[in-house]
Amino acid sequence: MTSTTSSTPVGGELRRWRELRAFSQLALATRADVSTRHLSFVENGRSRPTPQMILRLADVLEVPMAEQNKLLLAAGFAPRHPHRGLDDEHLSSVMAGLRSLLDAHAPYPALLLDDHWDIVDANEAVHTLLDSCSPTLLEPPVNVIRLALHPEGLAPGSTT
């Protein structure tokens, strides 16, 4: 008799994070203080993890908070970590510190990027650097990868 179990969304995601961090099941189970068998059952969908188990494994795997929320949602639980936009008042002192760091780089260009390579903030020197770029590439959100590789951006041969 063969058992056909399919991986649950959270189990597959936990396995992906484990492999991304180059942990064996034994190493992760040991660090998270769970049995290897239970971890295997969670990854293969034979056992449904509790929110505490998901967060414990995510903590050992150093999964970012936003991704921990995705793991919890995949398992059918409510997110535990609040999402804060860059304009959130709780982040104002951090953003002010980053702004002063950008300004301290003058006269050299300095950029603050998000996790998608979009420009969040930049110092004045960046505007001079981007003067020759196509205006369509400078419409928000400005992605530095696209800007650097596009023929009408900073790519070689883009100057006229």
Protein backbone atom coordinates (compact mmCIF):
# COMPACT_ATOMS: atom_id res chain seq x y z
CA MET A 1 0.00 0.00 0.00
CA THR A 2 1.41 3.36 -0.98
CA SER A 3 0.62 6.60 0.72
CA THR A 4 0.09 9.54 -1.57
CA THR A 5 0.57 12.71 0.38
CA SER A 6 0.99 16.01 -1.27
CA SER A 7 2.94 18.86 0.16
CA THR A 8 0.85 21.61 1.74
CA PRO A 9 1.58 25.16 0.69
CA VAL A 10 3.25 25.91 4.02
CA GLY A 11 5.17 22.62 3.98
CA GLY A 12 6.55 23.30 0.53
CA GLU A 13 7.48 26.85 1.48
CA LEU A 14 9.23 25.70 4.65
CA ARG A 15 11.16 23.15 2.60
CA ARG A 16 12.09 25.87 0.09
CA TRP A 17 13.41 28.11 2.87
CA ARG A 18 15.29 25.18 4.44
CA GLU A 19 16.96 24.37 1.13
CA LEU A 20 17.66 28.05 0.46
CA ARG A 21 19.47 28.27 3.80
CA ALA A 22 21.30 24.98 3.06
CA PHE A 23 19.93 23.16 6.12
CA SER A 24 19.34 19.45 6.20
CA GLN A 25 16.16 18.30 7.91
CA LEU A 26 18.31 17.01 10.77
CA ALA A 27 20.11 20.35 11.20
CA LEU A 28 16.90 22.37 11.17
CA ALA A 29 15.09 19.96 13.48
CA THR A 30 17.99 20.03 15.94
CA ARG A 31 18.21 23.82 16.01
CA ALA A 32 14.43 24.23 16.27
CA ASP A 33 14.18 21.52 18.95
CA VAL A 34 11.69 19.37 17.06
CA SER A 35 11.94 15.80 15.82
CA THR A 36 13.18 15.17 12.30
CA ARG A 37 10.14 12.98 11.73
CA HIS A 38 7.76 15.80 12.66
CA LEU A 39 9.61 18.24 10.41
CA SER A 40 9.40 15.74 7.56
CA PHE A 41 5.67 15.30 8.18
CA VAL A 42 5.16 19.09 8.15
CA GLU A 43 7.08 19.48 4.88
CA ASN A 44 5.21 16.60 3.23
CA GLY A 45 1.77 17.70 4.43
CA ARG A 46 1.19 14.74 6.75
CA SER A 47 1.15 17.03 9.78
CA ARG A 48 -0.37 20.48 10.11
CA PRO A 49 1.99 22.86 11.95
CA THR A 50 0.78 25.26 14.61
CA PRO A 51 1.50 28.98 14.24
CA GLN A 52 4.13 28.63 16.97
CA MET A 53 5.88 25.82 15.07
CA ILE A 54 5.89 27.86 11.85
CA LEU A 55 7.38 30.86 13.65
CA ARG A 56 9.95 28.68 15.45
CA LEU A 57 11.15 27.14 12.18
CA ALA A 58 11.08 30.53 10.45
CA ASP A 59 13.15 32.05 13.25
CA VAL A 60 15.85 29.38 12.90
CA LEU A 61 15.79 29.83 9.11
CA GLU A 62 16.03 33.62 9.53
CA VAL A 63 12.96 34.17 7.36
CA PRO A 64 12.08 37.88 7.05
CA MET A 65 8.93 38.99 8.88
CA ALA A 66 6.93 39.65 5.72
CA GLU A 67 7.74 36.13 4.52
CA GLN A 68 6.79 34.72 7.93
CA ASN A 69 3.37 36.31 7.43
CA LYS A 70 3.12 34.54 4.06
CA LEU A 71 3.99 31.23 5.71
CA LEU A 72 1.29 31.77 8.33
CA LEU A 73 -1.27 32.68 5.66
CA ALA A 74 -0.33 29.59 3.62
CA ALA A 75 -1.12 27.49 6.70
CA GLY A 76 -4.45 29.25 7.24
CA PHE A 77 -3.40 31.47 10.15
CA ALA A 78 -3.52 35.21 10.59
CA PRO A 79 -0.30 37.19 10.04
CA ARG A 80 1.61 38.07 13.21
CA HIS A 81 3.83 40.89 12.01
CA PRO A 82 2.33 44.25 11.00
CA HIS A 83 3.15 45.61 7.57
CA ARG A 84 4.52 49.12 7.67
CA GLY A 85 4.87 51.39 4.68
CA LEU A 86 7.92 53.59 4.34
CA ASP A 87 5.80 56.60 5.26
CA ASP A 88 4.70 55.00 8.57
CA GLU A 89 5.32 57.28 11.56
CA HIS A 90 7.13 54.45 13.38
CA LEU A 91 9.76 54.47 10.62
CA SER A 92 10.17 58.24 10.41
CA SER A 93 13.38 58.31 12.47
CA VAL A 94 14.87 55.48 10.38
CA MET A 95 13.95 57.22 7.13
CA ALA A 96 15.40 60.51 8.44
CA GLY A 97 18.65 58.72 9.28
CA LEU A 98 18.81 57.16 5.83
CA ARG A 99 18.08 60.56 4.26
CA SER A 100 21.01 62.13 6.13
CA LEU A 101 23.23 59.24 4.99
CA LEU A 102 22.22 59.88 1.37
CA ASP A 103 22.94 63.59 1.75
CA ALA A 104 26.34 62.84 3.33
CA HIS A 105 27.42 61.14 0.09
CA ALA A 106 27.19 64.38 -1.87
CA PRO A 107 28.64 65.21 -4.35
CA TYR A 108 28.47 61.52 -5.31
CA PRO A 109 25.20 59.81 -6.30
CA ALA A 110 23.56 57.67 -3.62
CA LEU A 111 20.34 55.64 -3.85
CA LEU A 112 18.03 53.99 -1.35
CA LEU A 113 16.39 50.94 -2.94
CA ASP A 114 13.61 48.60 -1.89
CA ASP A 115 13.64 44.83 -2.26
CA HIS A 116 12.45 45.08 -5.89
CA TRP A 117 15.32 47.41 -6.91
CA ASP A 118 12.96 50.40 -7.07
CA ILE A 119 14.30 53.77 -5.95
CA VAL A 120 12.83 54.83 -2.62
CA ASP A 121 15.00 57.93 -2.15
CA ALA A 122 18.10 59.49 -3.70
CA ASN A 123 20.37 62.45 -3.15
CA GLU A 124 20.60 65.43 -5.52
CA ALA A 125 23.63 64.06 -7.39
CA VAL A 126 21.48 61.24 -8.81
CA HIS A 127 19.38 63.73 -10.77
CA THR A 128 22.47 64.86 -12.69
CA LEU A 129 23.35 61.24 -13.42
CA LEU A 130 19.86 60.53 -14.80
CA ASP A 131 19.51 63.68 -16.96
CA SER A 132 20.21 61.80 -20.21
CA CYS A 133 17.73 58.99 -19.48
CA SER A 134 14.37 58.71 -21.20
CA PRO A 135 11.58 60.40 -19.19
CA THR A 136 9.47 57.23 -19.48
CA LEU A 137 12.10 55.32 -17.49
CA LEU A 138 12.00 57.96 -14.75
CA GLU A 139 8.28 57.59 -14.03
CA PRO A 140 7.66 56.04 -10.60
CA PRO A 141 8.45 53.43 -9.59
CA VAL A 142 11.93 53.86 -11.04
CA ASN A 143 13.64 50.48 -11.22
CA VAL A 144 17.45 50.68 -11.27
CA ILE A 145 17.86 47.37 -13.09
CA ARG A 146 15.64 48.54 -15.94
CA LEU A 147 17.30 51.96 -15.82
CA ALA A 148 20.79 50.48 -16.01
CA LEU A 149 20.09 48.01 -18.83
CA HIS A 150 17.56 49.80 -21.02
CA PRO A 151 19.05 51.34 -24.20
CA GLU A 152 17.41 54.68 -23.36
CA GLY A 153 18.66 54.53 -19.77
CA LEU A 154 22.23 54.23 -18.52
CA ALA A 155 23.17 51.34 -20.85
CA PRO A 156 26.19 51.79 -23.15
CA GLY A 157 25.32 53.64 -26.30
CA SER A 158 22.34 55.37 -24.70
CA THR A 159 23.97 58.81 -24.89
CA THR A 160 23.37 60.83 -28.01
